[in-house]
Amino acid sequence: MPVDIQRIEKDQLACWRLRHGDAEVIVAEQGAQILSYRQGEATPILWLSGEAAFQTGQAVRGGVPVCWPWFGDLARNPQSVQDSYQGSQPAPAHGLVRNIDWVMARSESNPGSVRLLFSCNTNAGLPGWPHAVELSLQVCLDSKGLHLSLTSHNRGDKAVALSQALHSYFAISDIHQVTVEGLDGRPYIETLEDWQQRQQQGDLAFVGETDRIYLDLPSRLSLRDPGLKRRIVLETQGSRSAVLWNPWIAKAQRLSQFADDAWQRMLCIETANVMDDVVRLESAASHTLSVSISVETA
């Protein structure tokens, strides 16, 4: 089976392209962000905005951005996570590592898989982040799918609390047709209605703007898409929470790098450690958040 690792450029961004058989992944050094994942000529598995800008210092809309050491609005995070940030400037949404260059530290290819390891030196100039935490992302592509592992290792002498997410955008046929399986009976926070806690009944279908934090989840969720006759399966480790997001009509018109009608063709299922699922790293401890993404016929 042909395998290949190649360095490429997308406008201003240095990227790496991994190929395994007919599957292909593109990763940007900026933010160690997965930009695309596809298998052959089928509809891409990850959604990337047609208006995405590949500019230095600017987050790209789509793929899998890495959110770390907090997710979303820092002020909505537990106090222990808020206390980890000591910056004088307002905290940027989704943390501090999305718009900086990571280092491609290691590559490996064999007939069974291709993999890259990206590292980020969080103790060298992240504004307001005085903690010695090593951060790495392993990207592996094989015949089973795409495997992402985000590891935080506390090299300092004090405990650190953090929240995080692999903010995955998935490509779908039509938001009105898809459902997410594996959520039945699970508690969630409805952020659009005063952050009320509720309980999911049955599979999740979509009828309007969605921004929910699901808690106490199983290790497997799946996105069933009858229009594409496929099911995208997410299998996670080191995570009991996920964020599900679709901006719908009105909010889509206010988003950058986002066509007015793009909400119909994407859905975010974000593998996360948020709310009660935050990570507390003692000195010398490490934590790995991982997700494997595969496709089945549905």
C-alpha atoms as a PDB file:
ATOM      1  CA  MET A   1       0.000   0.000   0.000  1.00  0.00           C
ATOM      2  CA  PRO A   2       1.547   3.369  -0.982  1.00  0.00           C
ATOM      3  CA  VAL A   3       2.480   5.685   1.897  1.00  0.00           C
ATOM      4  CA  ASP A   4       3.939   9.168   1.718  1.00  0.00           C
ATOM      5  CA  ILE A   5       4.804  12.208   3.854  1.00  0.00           C
ATOM      6  CA  GLN A   6       5.427  15.480   2.037  1.00  0.00           C
ATOM      7  CA  ARG A   7       5.899  19.099   3.080  1.00  0.00           C
ATOM      8  CA  ILE A   8       3.680  21.508   1.137  1.00  0.00           C
ATOM      9  CA  GLU A   9       2.414  25.077   1.402  1.00  0.00           C
ATOM     10  CA  LYS A  10      -1.099  26.471   1.427  1.00  0.00           C
ATOM     11  CA  ASP A  11      -0.773  30.203   0.823  1.00  0.00           C
ATOM     12  CA  GLN A  12       1.162  31.479   3.878  1.00  0.00           C
ATOM     13  CA  LEU A  13       1.003  28.251   5.886  1.00  0.00           C
ATOM     14  CA  ALA A  14       3.601  25.484   5.917  1.00  0.00           C
ATOM     15  CA  CYS A  15       1.813  22.128   5.922  1.00  0.00           C
ATOM     16  CA  TRP A  16       2.431  18.394   5.835  1.00  0.00           C
ATOM     17  CA  ARG A  17       0.546  15.943   3.658  1.00  0.00           C
ATOM     18  CA  LEU A  18       0.187  12.316   4.757  1.00  0.00           C
ATOM     19  CA  ARG A  19      -1.008   9.625   2.382  1.00  0.00           C
ATOM     20  CA  HIS A  20      -1.873   6.020   3.159  1.00  0.00           C
ATOM     21  CA  GLY A  21      -3.409   4.156   0.259  1.00  0.00           C
ATOM     22  CA  ASP A  22      -6.176   6.403  -1.072  1.00  0.00           C
ATOM     23  CA  ALA A  23      -6.526   8.316   2.232  1.00  0.00           C
ATOM     24  CA  GLU A  24      -4.977  11.766   2.661  1.00  0.00           C
ATOM     25  CA  VAL A  25      -4.534  14.154   5.587  1.00  0.00           C
ATOM     26  CA  ILE A  26      -3.126  17.694   5.492  1.00  0.00           C
ATOM     27  CA  VAL A  27      -1.801  19.272   8.699  1.00  0.00           C
ATOM     28  CA  ALA A  28      -0.669  22.882   9.125  1.00  0.00           C
ATOM     29  CA  GLU A  29       2.340  23.626  11.319  1.00  0.00           C
ATOM     30  CA  GLN A  30       0.403  26.638  12.598  1.00  0.00           C
ATOM     31  CA  GLY A  31      -1.593  25.308  15.522  1.00  0.00           C
ATOM     32  CA  ALA A  32      -0.879  21.704  14.434  1.00  0.00           C
ATOM     33  CA  GLN A  33      -4.309  22.045  12.849  1.00  0.00           C
ATOM     34  CA  ILE A  34      -5.669  19.243  10.701  1.00  0.00           C
ATOM     35  CA  LEU A  35      -6.970  20.991   7.579  1.00  0.00           C
ATOM     36  CA  SER A  36      -8.388  18.053   5.659  1.00  0.00           C
ATOM     37  CA  TYR A  37      -9.025  14.328   5.774  1.00  0.00           C
ATOM     38  CA  ARG A  38     -10.423  12.385   2.868  1.00  0.00           C
ATOM     39  CA  GLN A  39     -10.632   8.832   1.581  1.00  0.00           C
ATOM     40  CA  GLY A  40     -10.381   8.517  -2.187  1.00  0.00           C
ATOM     41  CA  GLU A  41     -12.885  10.503  -4.239  1.00  0.00           C
ATOM     42  CA  ALA A  42     -15.643  10.389  -1.606  1.00  0.00           C
ATOM     43  CA  THR A  43     -16.890  13.549   0.110  1.00  0.00           C
ATOM     44  CA  PRO A  44     -14.176  14.689   2.566  1.00  0.00           C
ATOM     45  CA  ILE A  45     -14.673  13.481   6.124  1.00  0.00           C
ATOM     46  CA  LEU A  46     -13.626  16.784   7.651  1.00  0.00           C
ATOM     47  CA  TRP A  47     -15.236  20.045   6.579  1.00  0.00           C
ATOM     48  CA  LEU A  48     -13.036  22.962   5.529  1.00  0.00           C
ATOM     49  CA  SER A  49     -14.656  26.282   4.680  1.00  0.00           C
ATOM     50  CA  GLY A  50     -14.567  27.290   1.044  1.00  0.00           C
ATOM     51  CA  GLU A  51     -13.716  30.766   2.379  1.00  0.00           C
ATOM     52  CA  ALA A  52     -10.872  29.549   4.626  1.00  0.00           C
ATOM     53  CA  ALA A  53      -7.899  31.904   4.754  1.00  0.00           C
ATOM     54  CA  PHE A  54      -4.477  30.316   5.143  1.00  0.00           C
ATOM     55  CA  GLN A  55      -2.835  33.333   6.749  1.00  0.00           C
ATOM     56  CA  THR A  56      -0.084  33.581   9.336  1.00  0.00           C
ATOM     57  CA  GLY A  57      -1.468  34.298  12.801  1.00  0.00           C
ATOM     58  CA  GLN A  58      -5.079  33.669  11.785  1.00  0.00           C
ATOM     59  CA  ALA A  59      -7.084  30.580  12.759  1.00  0.00           C
ATOM     60  CA  VAL A  60      -8.430  28.581   9.809  1.00  0.00           C
ATOM     61  CA  ARG A  61     -12.164  27.836   9.747  1.00  0.00           C
ATOM     62  CA  GLY A  62     -12.608  24.077   9.611  1.00  0.00           C
ATOM     63  CA  GLY A  63     -10.626  20.873  10.000  1.00  0.00           C
ATOM     64  CA  VAL A  64      -9.547  20.165  13.586  1.00  0.00           C
ATOM     65  CA  PRO A  65      -8.210  23.187  15.492  1.00  0.00           C
ATOM     66  CA  VAL A  66      -6.510  22.455  18.828  1.00  0.00           C
ATOM     67  CA  CYS A  67      -8.084  24.404  21.708  1.00  0.00           C
ATOM     68  CA  TRP A  68      -5.724  24.544  24.713  1.00  0.00           C
ATOM     69  CA  PRO A  69      -5.202  25.347  27.667  1.00  0.00           C
ATOM     70  CA  TRP A  70      -8.830  26.355  27.785  1.00  0.00           C
ATOM     71  CA  PHE A  71     -11.863  25.899  25.607  1.00  0.00           C
ATOM     72  CA  GLY A  72     -14.173  28.691  24.475  1.00  0.00           C
ATOM     73  CA  ASP A  73     -14.558  31.755  26.677  1.00  0.00           C
ATOM     74  CA  LEU A  74     -12.116  31.507  29.586  1.00  0.00           C
ATOM     75  CA  ALA A  75     -14.661  33.203  31.856  1.00  0.00           C
ATOM     76  CA  ARG A  76     -17.033  30.250  31.308  1.00  0.00           C
ATOM     77  CA  ASN A  77     -14.399  27.763  32.465  1.00  0.00           C
ATOM     78  CA  PRO A  78     -14.069  26.465  36.029  1.00  0.00           C
ATOM     79  CA  GLN A  79     -12.220  28.800  38.368  1.00  0.00           C
ATOM     80  CA  SER A  80      -9.186  26.512  38.524  1.00  0.00           C
ATOM     81  CA  VAL A  81      -8.716  26.885  34.755  1.00  0.00           C
ATOM     82  CA  GLN A  82      -9.235  30.640  34.904  1.00  0.00           C
ATOM     83  CA  ASP A  83      -6.584  30.895  37.618  1.00  0.00           C
ATOM     84  CA  SER A  84      -4.007  29.187  35.376  1.00  0.00           C
ATOM     85  CA  TYR A  85      -4.025  32.211  33.061  1.00  0.00           C
ATOM     86  CA  GLN A  86      -2.126  35.222  34.388  1.00  0.00           C
ATOM     87  CA  GLY A  87      -2.112  37.483  31.362  1.00  0.00           C
ATOM     88  CA  SER A  88      -2.765  41.214  31.455  1.00  0.00           C
ATOM     89  CA  GLN A  89      -4.649  41.105  28.151  1.00  0.00           C
ATOM     90  CA  PRO A  90      -8.140  39.644  27.649  1.00  0.00           C
ATOM     91  CA  ALA A  91      -7.916  35.906  27.196  1.00  0.00           C
ATOM     92  CA  PRO A  92      -8.431  34.857  23.558  1.00  0.00           C
ATOM     93  CA  ALA A  93     -11.201  32.371  22.806  1.00  0.00           C
ATOM     94  CA  HIS A  94     -10.107  28.735  22.676  1.00  0.00           C
ATOM     95  CA  GLY A  95      -6.737  29.237  24.306  1.00  0.00           C
ATOM     96  CA  LEU A  96      -3.221  30.153  23.241  1.00  0.00           C
ATOM     97  CA  VAL A  97      -1.893  27.625  20.722  1.00  0.00           C
ATOM     98  CA  ARG A  98      -4.167  27.858  17.649  1.00  0.00           C
ATOM     99  CA  ASN A  99      -2.260  30.630  15.899  1.00  0.00           C
ATOM    100  CA  ILE A 100       1.365  29.798  16.692  1.00  0.00           C
ATOM    101  CA  ASP A 101       3.727  27.472  14.858  1.00  0.00           C
ATOM    102  CA  TRP A 102       4.304  24.017  16.282  1.00  0.00           C
ATOM    103  CA  VAL A 103       7.411  21.994  15.450  1.00  0.00           C
ATOM    104  CA  MET A 104       7.141  18.812  13.421  1.00  0.00           C
ATOM    105  CA  ALA A 105       9.355  16.804  15.744  1.00  0.00           C
ATOM    106  CA  ARG A 106       9.197  13.332  14.232  1.00  0.00           C
ATOM    107  CA  SER A 107       7.849  11.496  11.200  1.00  0.00           C
ATOM    108  CA  GLU A 108       7.441   7.803  10.549  1.00  0.00           C
ATOM    109  CA  SER A 109       6.070   5.777   7.665  1.00  0.00           C
ATOM    110  CA  ASN A 110       5.736   2.065   7.046  1.00  0.00           C
ATOM    111  CA  PRO A 111       3.332  -0.087   5.037  1.00  0.00           C
ATOM    112  CA  GLY A 112       0.857  -0.073   7.935  1.00  0.00           C
ATOM    113  CA  SER A 113       0.686   3.618   8.818  1.00  0.00           C
ATOM    114  CA  VAL A 114       2.091   7.114   8.528  1.00  0.00           C
ATOM    115  CA  ARG A 115       2.467   9.387  11.523  1.00  0.00           C
ATOM    116  CA  LEU A 116       3.748  12.788  12.545  1.00  0.00           C
ATOM    117  CA  LEU A 117       4.488  14.167  15.992  1.00  0.00           C
ATOM    118  CA  PHE A 118       4.102  17.919  16.529  1.00  0.00           C
ATOM    119  CA  SER A 119       5.365  19.661  19.657  1.00  0.00           C
ATOM    120  CA  CYS A 120       4.625  23.055  21.150  1.00  0.00           C
ATOM    121  CA  ASN A 121       6.888  24.737  23.685  1.00  0.00           C
ATOM    122  CA  THR A 122       4.313  26.324  25.964  1.00  0.00           C
ATOM    123  CA  ASN A 123       6.986  27.633  28.320  1.00  0.00           C
ATOM    124  CA  ALA A 124       8.562  29.909  25.711  1.00  0.00           C
ATOM    125  CA  GLY A 125       6.544  33.038  25.312  1.00  0.00           C
ATOM    126  CA  LEU A 126       2.876  32.062  25.514  1.00  0.00           C
ATOM    127  CA  PRO A 127       1.361  35.300  26.854  1.00  0.00           C
ATOM    128  CA  GLY A 128       0.064  34.934  30.384  1.00  0.00           C
ATOM    129  CA  TRP A 129       0.998  31.259  30.641  1.00  0.00           C
ATOM    130  CA  PRO A 130       3.834  30.775  33.174  1.00  0.00           C
ATOM    131  CA  HIS A 131       3.558  26.968  33.386  1.00  0.00           C
ATOM    132  CA  ALA A 132       6.112  24.433  32.153  1.00  0.00           C
ATOM    133  CA  VAL A 133       3.792  22.085  30.299  1.00  0.00           C
ATOM    134  CA  GLU A 134       5.012  20.122  27.291  1.00  0.00           C
ATOM    135  CA  LEU A 135       2.328  19.810  24.627  1.00  0.00           C
ATOM    136  CA  SER A 136       2.367  17.413  21.683  1.00  0.00           C
ATOM    137  CA  LEU A 137      -0.032  16.176  19.024  1.00  0.00           C
ATOM    138  CA  GLN A 138       0.444  12.831  17.333  1.00  0.00           C
ATOM    139  CA  VAL A 139      -1.278  12.421  13.959  1.00  0.00           C
ATOM    140  CA  CYS A 140      -1.544   8.863  12.646  1.00  0.00           C
ATOM    141  CA  LEU A 141      -3.200   7.674   9.435  1.00  0.00           C
ATOM    142  CA  ASP A 142      -3.736   3.971   8.777  1.00  0.00           C
ATOM    143  CA  SER A 143      -6.224   1.614   7.147  1.00  0.00           C
ATOM    144  CA  LYS A 144      -8.653   2.011  10.069  1.00  0.00           C
ATOM    145  CA  GLY A 145      -8.806   5.816   9.996  1.00  0.00           C
ATOM    146  CA  LEU A 146      -7.295   8.989  11.446  1.00  0.00           C
ATOM    147  CA  HIS A 147      -5.992   8.942  15.016  1.00  0.00           C
ATOM    148  CA  LEU A 148      -5.198  12.123  16.974  1.00  0.00           C
ATOM    149  CA  SER A 149      -3.568  12.187  20.425  1.00  0.00           C
ATOM    150  CA  LEU A 150      -3.003  15.446  22.323  1.00  0.00           C
ATOM    151  CA  THR A 151      -0.649  14.986  25.293  1.00  0.00           C
ATOM    152  CA  SER A 152       0.033  17.503  28.070  1.00  0.00           C
ATOM    153  CA  HIS A 153       2.979  16.784  30.402  1.00  0.00           C
ATOM    154  CA  ASN A 154       3.505  19.005  33.429  1.00  0.00           C
ATOM    155  CA  ARG A 155       7.250  19.597  33.805  1.00  0.00           C
ATOM    156  CA  GLY A 156       6.763  22.240  36.486  1.00  0.00           C
ATOM    157  CA  ASP A 157       6.609  21.872  40.252  1.00  0.00           C
ATOM    158  CA  LYS A 158       2.997  23.080  40.665  1.00  0.00           C
ATOM    159  CA  ALA A 159      -0.306  21.552  39.605  1.00  0.00           C
ATOM    160  CA  VAL A 160      -2.023  23.061  36.558  1.00  0.00           C
ATOM    161  CA  ALA A 161      -5.712  22.906  35.591  1.00  0.00           C
ATOM    162  CA  LEU A 162      -6.712  23.056  31.931  1.00  0.00           C
ATOM    163  CA  SER A 163      -9.604  22.464  29.587  1.00  0.00           C
ATOM    164  CA  GLN A 164      -9.123  21.511  25.949  1.00  0.00           C
ATOM    165  CA  ALA A 165     -10.737  20.235  22.777  1.00  0.00           C
ATOM    166  CA  LEU A 166      -9.993  18.755  19.400  1.00  0.00           C
ATOM    167  CA  HIS A 167     -12.512  21.034  17.666  1.00  0.00           C
ATOM    168  CA  SER A 168     -13.501  18.724  14.804  1.00  0.00           C
ATOM    169  CA  TYR A 169     -15.620  20.027  11.911  1.00  0.00           C
ATOM    170  CA  PHE A 170     -17.301  17.203   9.980  1.00  0.00           C
ATOM    171  CA  ALA A 171     -18.566  17.369   6.416  1.00  0.00           C
ATOM    172  CA  ILE A 172     -22.185  16.265   5.999  1.00  0.00           C
ATOM    173  CA  SER A 173     -24.797  16.115   3.251  1.00  0.00           C
ATOM    174  CA  ASP A 174     -27.511  18.153   5.007  1.00  0.00           C
ATOM    175  CA  ILE A 175     -27.808  19.184   8.662  1.00  0.00           C
ATOM    176  CA  HIS A 176     -31.553  18.413   8.508  1.00  0.00           C
ATOM    177  CA  GLN A 177     -30.845  14.743   7.743  1.00  0.00           C
ATOM    178  CA  VAL A 178     -28.024  13.767  10.089  1.00  0.00           C
ATOM    179  CA  THR A 179     -28.260  12.411  13.628  1.00  0.00           C
ATOM    180  CA  VAL A 180     -25.678  11.843  16.361  1.00  0.00           C
ATOM    181  CA  GLU A 181     -25.864   8.460  18.070  1.00  0.00           C
ATOM    182  CA  GLY A 182     -24.586   7.644  21.562  1.00  0.00           C
ATOM    183  CA  LEU A 183     -25.991  10.647  23.420  1.00  0.00           C
ATOM    184  CA  ASP A 184     -29.270   9.138  24.677  1.00  0.00           C
ATOM    185  CA  GLY A 185     -29.764   9.663  28.394  1.00  0.00           C
ATOM    186  CA  ARG A 186     -26.661  11.808  28.790  1.00  0.00           C
ATOM    187  CA  PRO A 187     -26.704  15.154  30.607  1.00  0.00           C
ATOM    188  CA  TYR A 188     -25.892  18.280  28.646  1.00  0.00           C
ATOM    189  CA  ILE A 189     -25.616  22.022  29.172  1.00  0.00           C
ATOM    190  CA  GLU A 190     -27.795  24.109  26.860  1.00  0.00           C
ATOM    191  CA  THR A 191     -25.588  27.165  26.442  1.00  0.00           C
ATOM    192  CA  LEU A 192     -28.187  28.961  24.304  1.00  0.00           C
ATOM    193  CA  GLU A 193     -30.716  28.941  27.128  1.00  0.00           C
ATOM    194  CA  ASP A 194     -28.889  30.323  30.133  1.00  0.00           C
ATOM    195  CA  TRP A 195     -26.594  27.294  30.477  1.00  0.00           C
ATOM    196  CA  GLN A 196     -29.363  25.095  31.849  1.00  0.00           C
ATOM    197  CA  GLN A 197     -28.546  21.429  32.470  1.00  0.00           C
ATOM    198  CA  ARG A 198     -30.803  18.970  30.654  1.00  0.00           C
ATOM    199  CA  GLN A 199     -30.883  15.330  29.609  1.00  0.00           C
ATOM    200  CA  GLN A 200     -30.778  14.034  26.052  1.00  0.00           C
ATOM    201  CA  GLN A 201     -33.722  11.913  24.886  1.00  0.00           C
ATOM    202  CA  GLY A 202     -32.857   9.612  21.976  1.00  0.00           C
ATOM    203  CA  ASP A 203     -30.434  10.428  19.180  1.00  0.00           C
ATOM    204  CA  LEU A 204     -29.742  14.092  18.499  1.00  0.00           C
ATOM    205  CA  ALA A 205     -31.314  15.630  15.385  1.00  0.00           C
ATOM    206  CA  PHE A 206     -30.948  19.276  14.375  1.00  0.00           C
ATOM    207  CA  VAL A 207     -33.723  21.845  13.967  1.00  0.00           C
ATOM    208  CA  GLY A 208     -31.929  25.107  14.838  1.00  0.00           C
ATOM    209  CA  GLU A 209     -28.743  26.640  16.194  1.00  0.00           C
ATOM    210  CA  THR A 210     -26.972  24.124  18.419  1.00  0.00           C
ATOM    211  CA  ASP A 211     -24.318  24.782  21.051  1.00  0.00           C
ATOM    212  CA  ARG A 212     -24.372  22.086  23.698  1.00  0.00           C
ATOM    213  CA  ILE A 213     -21.846  20.647  26.121  1.00  0.00           C
ATOM    214  CA  TYR A 214     -22.476  16.936  26.664  1.00  0.00           C
ATOM    215  CA  LEU A 215     -21.103  15.291  29.804  1.00  0.00           C
ATOM    216  CA  ASP A 216     -20.486  11.783  31.123  1.00  0.00           C
ATOM    217  CA  LEU A 217     -20.245  10.365  27.618  1.00  0.00           C
ATOM    218  CA  PRO A 218     -19.417   6.865  26.372  1.00  0.00           C
ATOM    219  CA  SER A 219     -16.185   6.362  24.458  1.00  0.00           C
ATOM    220  CA  ARG A 220     -18.010   6.009  21.110  1.00  0.00           C
ATOM    221  CA  LEU A 221     -20.214   8.500  19.277  1.00  0.00           C
ATOM    222  CA  SER A 222     -21.300   8.309  15.667  1.00  0.00           C
ATOM    223  CA  LEU A 223     -22.610  10.753  13.096  1.00  0.00           C
ATOM    224  CA  ARG A 224     -25.154   9.046  10.865  1.00  0.00           C
ATOM    225  CA  ASP A 225     -25.558  10.663   7.448  1.00  0.00           C
ATOM    226  CA  PRO A 226     -28.160   8.990   5.199  1.00  0.00           C
ATOM    227  CA  GLY A 227     -27.504  11.499   2.427  1.00  0.00           C
ATOM    228  CA  LEU A 228     -23.899  10.298   2.069  1.00  0.00           C
ATOM    229  CA  LYS A 229     -24.772   6.724   3.082  1.00  0.00           C
ATOM    230  CA  ARG A 230     -22.102   6.768   5.769  1.00  0.00           C
ATOM    231  CA  ARG A 231     -21.557   6.862   9.489  1.00  0.00           C
ATOM    232  CA  ILE A 232     -18.561   8.763  10.886  1.00  0.00           C
ATOM    233  CA  VAL A 233     -17.451   7.042  14.090  1.00  0.00           C
ATOM    234  CA  LEU A 234     -15.544   8.785  16.885  1.00  0.00           C
ATOM    235  CA  GLU A 235     -13.810   6.648  19.500  1.00  0.00           C
ATOM    236  CA  THR A 236     -12.202   8.590  22.327  1.00  0.00           C
ATOM    237  CA  GLN A 237      -9.903   8.136  25.277  1.00  0.00           C
ATOM    238  CA  GLY A 238      -9.114  10.590  28.062  1.00  0.00           C
ATOM    239  CA  SER A 239     -12.409  12.425  27.513  1.00  0.00           C
ATOM    240  CA  ARG A 240     -15.902  12.252  28.985  1.00  0.00           C
ATOM    241  CA  SER A 241     -17.284  15.432  27.405  1.00  0.00           C
ATOM    242  CA  ALA A 242     -17.983  16.796  23.944  1.00  0.00           C
ATOM    243  CA  VAL A 243     -19.276  20.019  22.419  1.00  0.00           C
ATOM    244  CA  LEU A 244     -21.789  19.857  19.572  1.00  0.00           C
ATOM    245  CA  TRP A 245     -22.127  22.990  17.474  1.00  0.00           C
ATOM    246  CA  ASN A 246     -23.877  24.262  14.384  1.00  0.00           C
ATOM    247  CA  PRO A 247     -24.413  28.031  13.918  1.00  0.00           C
ATOM    248  CA  TRP A 248     -27.582  27.732  11.781  1.00  0.00           C
ATOM    249  CA  ILE A 249     -28.798  30.645   9.654  1.00  0.00           C
ATOM    250  CA  ALA A 250     -28.407  33.914  11.573  1.00  0.00           C
ATOM    251  CA  LYS A 251     -25.102  33.223  13.285  1.00  0.00           C
ATOM    252  CA  ALA A 252     -23.553  31.849  10.072  1.00  0.00           C
ATOM    253  CA  GLN A 253     -23.943  35.307   8.547  1.00  0.00           C
ATOM    254  CA  ARG A 254     -21.802  36.802  11.331  1.00  0.00           C
ATOM    255  CA  LEU A 255     -18.937  34.313  11.213  1.00  0.00           C
ATOM    256  CA  SER A 256     -15.619  34.956   9.507  1.00  0.00           C
ATOM    257  CA  GLN A 257     -14.421  32.599   6.740  1.00  0.00           C
ATOM    258  CA  PHE A 258     -17.918  31.125   6.560  1.00  0.00           C
ATOM    259  CA  ALA A 259     -20.373  31.230   3.653  1.00  0.00           C
ATOM    260  CA  ASP A 260     -23.952  32.165   4.542  1.00  0.00           C
ATOM    261  CA  ASP A 261     -25.243  28.712   3.612  1.00  0.00           C
ATOM    262  CA  ALA A 262     -22.301  26.634   4.887  1.00  0.00           C
ATOM    263  CA  TRP A 263     -24.126  25.711   8.104  1.00  0.00           C
ATOM    264  CA  GLN A 264     -26.111  23.165   6.109  1.00  0.00           C
ATOM    265  CA  ARG A 265     -23.012  21.128   5.255  1.00  0.00           C
ATOM    266  CA  MET A 266     -21.060  20.978   8.528  1.00  0.00           C
ATOM    267  CA  LEU A 267     -21.351  19.833  12.118  1.00  0.00           C
ATOM    268  CA  CYS A 268     -18.828  20.113  14.938  1.00  0.00           C
ATOM    269  CA  ILE A 269     -18.440  17.233  17.364  1.00  0.00           C
ATOM    270  CA  GLU A 270     -15.589  18.372  19.564  1.00  0.00           C
ATOM    271  CA  THR A 271     -13.771  15.785  21.679  1.00  0.00           C
ATOM    272  CA  ALA A 272     -13.110  17.676  24.892  1.00  0.00           C
ATOM    273  CA  ASN A 273     -12.245  18.004  28.557  1.00  0.00           C
ATOM    274  CA  VAL A 274     -14.582  20.756  29.748  1.00  0.00           C
ATOM    275  CA  MET A 275     -16.685  21.730  32.771  1.00  0.00           C
ATOM    276  CA  ASP A 276     -16.464  18.923  35.392  1.00  0.00           C
ATOM    277  CA  ASP A 277     -14.256  16.993  32.970  1.00  0.00           C
ATOM    278  CA  VAL A 278     -11.331  19.441  33.227  1.00  0.00           C
ATOM    279  CA  VAL A 279      -7.815  18.058  33.596  1.00  0.00           C
ATOM    280  CA  ARG A 280      -5.768  18.693  36.727  1.00  0.00           C
ATOM    281  CA  LEU A 281      -2.122  17.928  36.079  1.00  0.00           C
ATOM    282  CA  GLU A 282       0.022  17.381  39.131  1.00  0.00           C
ATOM    283  CA  SER A 283       3.760  17.955  38.872  1.00  0.00           C
ATOM    284  CA  ALA A 284       5.355  15.387  36.509  1.00  0.00           C
ATOM    285  CA  ALA A 285       1.929  14.033  35.496  1.00  0.00           C
ATOM    286  CA  SER A 286       0.673  13.739  31.926  1.00  0.00           C
ATOM    287  CA  HIS A 287      -2.703  13.404  30.232  1.00  0.00           C
ATOM    288  CA  THR A 288      -3.614  12.309  26.710  1.00  0.00           C
ATOM    289  CA  LEU A 289      -6.830  13.294  24.956  1.00  0.00           C
ATOM    290  CA  SER A 290      -7.352  11.161  21.870  1.00  0.00           C
ATOM    291  CA  VAL A 291      -9.907  10.523  19.153  1.00  0.00           C
ATOM    292  CA  SER A 292      -9.970   7.990  16.325  1.00  0.00           C
ATOM    293  CA  ILE A 293     -12.117   8.922  13.329  1.00  0.00           C
ATOM    294  CA  SER A 294     -13.335   6.197  10.980  1.00  0.00           C
ATOM    295  CA  VAL A 295     -16.101   5.738   8.425  1.00  0.00           C
ATOM    296  CA  GLU A 296     -18.675   2.973   8.056  1.00  0.00           C
ATOM    297  CA  THR A 297     -21.351   2.407   5.444  1.00  0.00           C
ATOM    298  CA  ALA A 298     -24.786   3.410   6.745  1.00  0.00           C
END
